[in-house]
Protein backbone atom coordinates (compact mmCIF):
# COMPACT_ATOMS: atom_id res chain seq x y z
CA MET A 1 39.97 195.31 -27.20
CA ALA A 2 41.47 193.50 -24.25
CA SER A 3 40.84 194.81 -20.85
CA LYS A 4 43.81 195.65 -18.47
CA HIS A 5 42.32 193.11 -16.05
CA ASP A 6 42.99 190.14 -18.52
CA ILE A 7 45.80 187.74 -17.52
CA GLY A 8 49.01 188.61 -19.27
CA TRP A 9 48.28 192.38 -19.91
CA GLU A 10 51.43 193.34 -17.89
CA HIS A 11 53.46 191.73 -20.63
CA ALA A 12 52.08 193.91 -23.30
CA GLU A 13 54.33 196.12 -25.44
CA PRO A 14 53.64 199.31 -27.20
CA PHE A 15 52.52 198.96 -30.89
CA GLY A 16 51.35 201.74 -33.23
CA GLY A 17 51.02 204.72 -31.21
CA ASN A 18 49.01 204.38 -27.93
CA ARG A 19 47.66 200.82 -28.75
CA ARG A 20 49.09 198.06 -26.67
CA THR A 21 49.05 194.69 -28.00
CA PRO A 22 49.72 191.77 -25.57
CA LYS A 23 52.67 189.45 -26.27
CA PHE A 24 50.62 186.68 -24.96
CA MET A 25 47.19 186.74 -23.19
CA PHE A 26 45.09 184.03 -21.62
CA SER A 27 41.52 184.65 -22.30
CA ALA A 28 38.93 182.91 -19.86
CA GLU A 29 38.92 180.01 -22.21
CA GLY A 30 42.62 179.85 -22.34
CA ALA A 31 42.91 179.97 -18.42
CA LYS A 32 40.42 177.15 -18.25
CA LYS A 33 42.32 175.07 -20.68
CA VAL A 34 45.60 175.50 -18.53
CA GLY A 35 43.73 174.76 -15.30
CA LYS A 36 42.40 171.57 -16.82
CA ALA A 37 45.84 170.53 -18.07
CA ILE A 38 47.40 171.21 -14.68
CA SER A 39 44.34 169.43 -12.94
CA LYS A 40 44.85 166.34 -15.01
CA PHE A 41 48.53 166.18 -13.93
CA PHE A 42 47.62 166.53 -10.30
CA LEU A 43 44.88 163.77 -10.48
CA PHE A 44 46.79 161.29 -12.56
CA ASN A 45 49.88 161.50 -10.16
CA GLY A 46 47.87 161.68 -6.96
CA ILE A 47 49.38 164.99 -6.02
CA PRO A 48 47.55 166.56 -2.99
CA PHE A 49 45.23 169.44 -4.23
CA ASN A 50 46.58 171.93 -1.56
CA ALA A 51 50.01 171.69 -3.27
CA ALA A 52 48.79 174.34 -5.56
CA ASP A 53 48.15 176.75 -2.61
CA SER A 54 51.44 176.16 -0.62
CA GLY A 55 54.75 178.00 -1.34
CA PRO A 56 55.65 180.35 -4.17
CA TYR A 57 56.88 177.86 -6.81
CA TYR A 58 53.56 176.81 -8.21
CA GLN A 59 52.72 180.13 -9.81
CA SER A 60 56.34 180.77 -10.45
CA MET A 61 56.39 177.62 -12.64
CA ILE A 62 53.27 178.79 -14.61
CA ASP A 63 54.93 182.27 -15.21
CA THR A 64 58.19 180.65 -16.43
CA LEU A 65 56.42 178.56 -18.79
CA ALA A 66 54.43 181.37 -20.13
CA GLU A 67 57.54 183.51 -20.46
CA VAL A 68 59.35 180.92 -22.39
CA GLY A 69 56.39 180.25 -24.68
CA PRO A 70 55.17 177.29 -26.52
CA GLY A 71 57.13 174.36 -27.68
CA ILE A 72 59.21 173.82 -24.54
CA LYS A 73 59.77 170.18 -23.32
CA GLY A 74 59.59 169.48 -19.65
CA PRO A 75 62.39 167.68 -17.95
CA ILE A 76 62.24 163.87 -17.56
CA GLY A 77 62.32 162.38 -14.06
CA TYR A 78 65.96 161.48 -14.29
CA GLN A 79 66.87 165.17 -14.89
CA ILE A 80 64.76 166.32 -12.02
CA GLY A 81 66.30 163.68 -9.62
CA ASN A 82 69.93 164.47 -10.73
CA ALA A 83 71.04 167.59 -12.47
CA TYR A 84 68.20 169.90 -11.19
CA LEU A 85 68.28 168.30 -7.72
CA GLU A 86 72.04 169.00 -7.43
CA GLU A 87 71.35 172.53 -8.47
CA GLU A 88 68.87 173.06 -5.83
CA VAL A 89 71.15 171.61 -3.19
CA GLN A 90 73.76 174.02 -4.15
CA GLU A 91 71.38 177.06 -4.03
CA LEU A 92 70.17 175.72 -0.71
CA GLU A 93 73.68 175.48 0.64
CA VAL A 94 74.41 179.08 -0.40
CA TYR A 95 71.11 180.37 1.31
CA ILE A 96 71.93 178.49 4.42
CA ASN A 97 75.48 179.92 4.52
CA THR A 98 74.01 183.41 4.27
CA LEU A 99 71.91 182.63 7.37
CA LYS A 100 74.93 181.27 9.25
CA ALA A 101 76.76 184.40 8.53
CA LYS A 102 74.06 186.29 10.73
CA TRP A 103 74.55 184.04 13.79
CA LEU A 104 77.65 186.05 15.13
CA VAL A 105 75.98 189.36 14.29
CA TYR A 106 72.44 188.71 15.78
CA GLY A 107 73.02 185.67 17.99
CA CYS A 108 70.77 182.59 17.50
CA THR A 109 68.35 180.23 19.42
CA ILE A 110 68.91 176.55 19.54
CA MET A 111 65.39 174.78 19.49
CA CYS A 112 65.12 171.24 20.47
CA ASP A 113 61.92 169.35 19.61
CA GLY A 114 61.06 165.80 20.64
CA TRP A 115 58.37 163.99 18.78
CA SER A 116 57.32 160.62 17.22
CA SER A 117 57.30 159.62 13.59
CA ARG A 118 54.38 157.88 11.82
CA THR A 119 55.93 154.55 12.74
CA ARG A 120 56.15 155.67 16.36
CA LYS A 121 59.81 156.07 16.29
CA PRO A 122 60.98 158.60 18.83
CA ILE A 123 63.15 161.41 17.26
CA ILE A 124 64.73 164.63 18.59
CA ASN A 125 65.10 167.46 16.18
CA PHE A 126 67.44 170.38 16.44
CA MET A 127 66.81 173.73 14.75
CA VAL A 128 68.58 177.07 14.60
CA TYR A 129 66.53 180.37 14.76
CA CYS A 130 68.12 183.70 13.91
CA ASP A 131 66.90 186.90 12.53
CA ARG A 132 63.32 185.71 11.76
CA SER A 133 64.58 182.63 9.93
CA MET A 134 64.98 179.12 10.93
CA ILE A 135 66.97 176.16 9.62
CA TYR A 136 66.89 172.48 10.33
CA LEU A 137 70.23 171.39 11.75
CA SER A 138 69.95 167.66 12.63
CA SER A 139 67.97 164.80 14.06
CA VAL A 140 68.65 161.99 16.44
CA ASP A 141 66.88 158.65 16.56
CA THR A 142 66.30 157.75 20.37
CA THR A 143 64.73 154.31 19.78
CA ASN A 144 65.37 152.08 22.76
CA ILE A 145 67.41 154.97 24.44
CA PRO A 146 66.09 156.40 27.78
CA LYS A 147 65.86 160.29 27.42
CA THR A 148 67.73 160.86 30.68
CA ALA A 149 69.21 164.20 31.52
CA ASP A 150 72.79 163.00 30.94
CA TYR A 151 71.87 161.67 27.48
CA VAL A 152 70.06 164.75 26.39
CA PHE A 153 72.81 167.08 27.83
CA SER A 154 75.51 165.08 25.73
CA LEU A 155 73.34 165.81 22.63
CA MET A 156 72.74 169.47 23.32
CA ASP A 157 76.39 170.16 24.38
CA LYS A 158 77.49 168.52 21.00
CA ILE A 159 74.99 170.71 19.05
CA ILE A 160 76.25 173.93 20.94
CA GLU A 161 79.85 172.93 19.93
CA GLU A 162 78.81 172.52 16.38
CA VAL A 163 77.06 175.93 15.99
CA GLY A 164 79.53 177.73 18.12
CA GLU A 165 78.88 178.72 21.78
CA GLU A 166 79.77 182.37 21.00
CA ASN A 167 76.95 182.44 18.43
CA ILE A 168 74.17 181.21 20.78
CA VAL A 169 72.01 183.41 22.95
CA GLN A 170 69.37 180.93 24.30
CA LEU A 171 68.13 177.35 24.18
CA VAL A 172 64.42 176.45 23.72
CA THR A 173 63.23 172.89 24.67
CA ASP A 174 60.18 171.01 25.70
CA ASN A 175 59.05 171.37 29.41
CA GLU A 176 59.64 167.80 30.28
CA ALA A 177 61.62 167.06 33.52
CA SER A 178 64.77 165.80 31.66
CA PHE A 179 64.92 168.81 29.19
CA LYS A 180 64.43 171.22 32.01
CA ALA A 181 67.35 169.57 33.94
CA VAL A 182 69.39 169.76 30.79
CA GLY A 183 68.68 173.57 30.51
CA MET A 184 69.80 174.18 34.09
CA LEU A 185 73.04 172.03 33.51
CA LEU A 186 73.91 173.97 30.32
CA MET A 187 73.34 177.37 31.91
CA GLU A 188 75.64 176.28 34.75
CA LYS A 189 78.32 175.23 32.34
CA ARG A 190 78.00 178.05 29.88
CA LYS A 191 77.20 181.19 32.01
CA HIS A 192 75.95 183.32 29.04
CA LEU A 193 73.45 180.91 27.77
CA PHE A 194 69.67 181.25 28.77
CA TRP A 195 67.25 178.37 28.65
CA SER A 196 63.55 178.80 28.06
CA PRO A 197 60.70 176.18 27.84
CA CYS A 198 58.76 175.96 24.68
CA ALA A 199 55.68 178.11 24.96
CA ALA A 200 53.57 175.82 22.72
CA HIS A 201 54.31 172.80 24.84
CA CYS A 202 53.54 174.71 27.99
CA PHE A 203 50.02 175.51 26.48
CA ASP A 204 49.77 171.83 25.46
CA LEU A 205 50.52 170.82 29.07
CA MET A 206 47.84 173.37 30.42
CA LEU A 207 45.16 172.13 28.13
CA GLU A 208 45.99 168.65 29.02
CA ASP A 209 45.47 169.36 32.75
CA ILE A 210 42.32 171.38 32.08
CA GLY A 211 40.92 168.60 29.88
CA ASN A 212 41.58 166.19 32.82
CA MET A 213 39.20 168.25 35.22
CA LYS A 214 36.17 165.96 35.71
CA HIS A 215 33.38 168.34 34.47
CA ILE A 216 35.58 169.57 31.40
CA LYS A 217 36.42 165.88 30.61
CA GLU A 218 32.78 165.02 30.41
CA ILE A 219 32.09 167.83 28.09
CA LEU A 220 35.12 166.99 25.75
CA ASP A 221 33.90 163.35 25.87
CA GLN A 222 30.42 164.22 24.71
CA ALA A 223 31.97 166.36 21.95
CA LYS A 224 34.12 163.57 20.82
CA MET A 225 31.16 161.25 20.79
CA ILE A 226 29.27 163.66 18.43
CA THR A 227 32.03 164.27 16.04
CA SER A 228 32.88 160.52 15.98
CA PHE A 229 29.25 159.90 15.01
CA ILE A 230 29.35 162.43 12.28
CA TYR A 231 32.79 161.48 10.79
CA ASN A 232 32.20 157.58 10.95
CA SER A 233 29.66 157.90 8.08
CA LEU A 234 30.40 159.56 4.79
CA LYS A 235 26.78 160.09 4.28
CA VAL A 236 26.40 162.01 7.47
CA VAL A 237 29.58 164.11 6.73
CA ASN A 238 28.07 165.14 3.45
CA LEU A 239 24.71 165.99 5.09
CA MET A 240 26.55 168.05 7.57
CA LYS A 241 28.33 169.97 5.05
CA VAL A 242 25.17 170.98 3.35
CA PHE A 243 24.17 172.62 6.54
CA THR A 244 27.63 174.08 7.57
CA LYS A 245 28.26 175.44 3.99
CA ASP A 246 30.89 172.83 3.18
CA ARG A 247 32.88 173.67 6.56
CA ASP A 248 34.38 170.94 8.74
CA LEU A 249 34.15 170.43 12.40
CA LEU A 250 37.56 168.93 13.03
CA ARG A 251 40.71 171.04 12.38
CA LEU A 252 44.27 170.48 13.14
CA GLY A 253 45.45 172.53 16.18
CA ILE A 254 48.92 173.94 16.87
CA THR A 255 49.17 171.59 19.96
CA ARG A 256 47.85 167.98 20.42
CA PHE A 257 45.40 168.85 23.16
CA ALA A 258 44.17 171.88 21.54
CA ILE A 259 42.38 169.88 18.86
CA ALA A 260 39.72 168.76 21.40
CA PHE A 261 38.92 172.30 22.46
CA ILE A 262 38.96 173.55 18.72
CA SER A 263 36.53 170.84 17.86
CA LEU A 264 34.26 171.81 20.89
CA GLN A 265 34.34 175.40 19.67
CA SER A 266 33.37 174.36 16.25
CA LEU A 267 30.33 172.35 17.72
CA ILE A 268 29.21 175.51 19.48
CA ARG A 269 29.59 177.76 16.38
CA TYR A 270 27.53 175.43 14.18
CA GLU A 271 25.14 174.28 16.99
CA GLY A 272 22.05 175.64 15.19
CA ASP A 273 23.07 174.08 11.88
CA LEU A 274 23.69 170.77 13.45
CA LYS A 275 20.26 170.87 15.11
CA MET A 276 18.68 171.60 11.81
CA MET A 277 20.55 168.71 10.31
CA CYS A 278 19.25 166.34 12.96
CA THR A 279 15.65 167.49 12.37
CA THR A 280 15.71 167.44 8.61
CA ASN A 281 13.66 165.34 6.41
CA GLU A 282 14.53 161.77 7.01
CA ALA A 283 14.65 161.11 3.40
CA LEU A 284 17.99 162.96 3.26
CA TRP A 285 19.48 160.45 5.83
């Protein structure tokens, strides 16, 4: 008899007294068959593996397919890019409108973030945060445009008018001189607004200053030399993972300059394992 731990037991229905017969149930063999079919789709289309771990819609898709049952034919690309895309846009607009309705009730924060795209194109993003939810508002391409205080002020002032001055409590921007000047100008013009520098950017600047100290810079440069040596050779990387139990030394940090310190922390954590790797049988190299 099937165990309650089997996948699909929660869909069982009473049948013949106290016995419960699952409407559908995946055995270990069935789960493997489904896993292999999904893996083939990922591999054939070059979909990143971590897409299966991000967001709620992956498992939701599988649950819906199981609920509908066999024989269902999936949508073609045209349907996904047209009818279903339009439905998603409409649902998203409804969701965004429910968030906008909270702006006047709770007040909101305008967040301004300057960054560079993969093609090194400078962009300024504007987001709105309210009641533990954040939505993207707009972006401005600032290619060949100096980010002077007057220019940034005109952008921020326009965003405030768009969102509604009465809905805004504070502004959060980078801690660069021009953005700081803009914050002061906006507080002068709109007395109830409050400007705050981005905490993550402040930490980033602090780590940059610390990393530029002579004795710290020497240590970080040595750490970078070690990690560069390891990651410049796939053979050495594979050997390293044997000793670190498949763990990497390099990880992305929340700020740009945090990566160097996180890498240094990893070297210290796996110091013993790396020493064993360096003194291992030369045949492994």
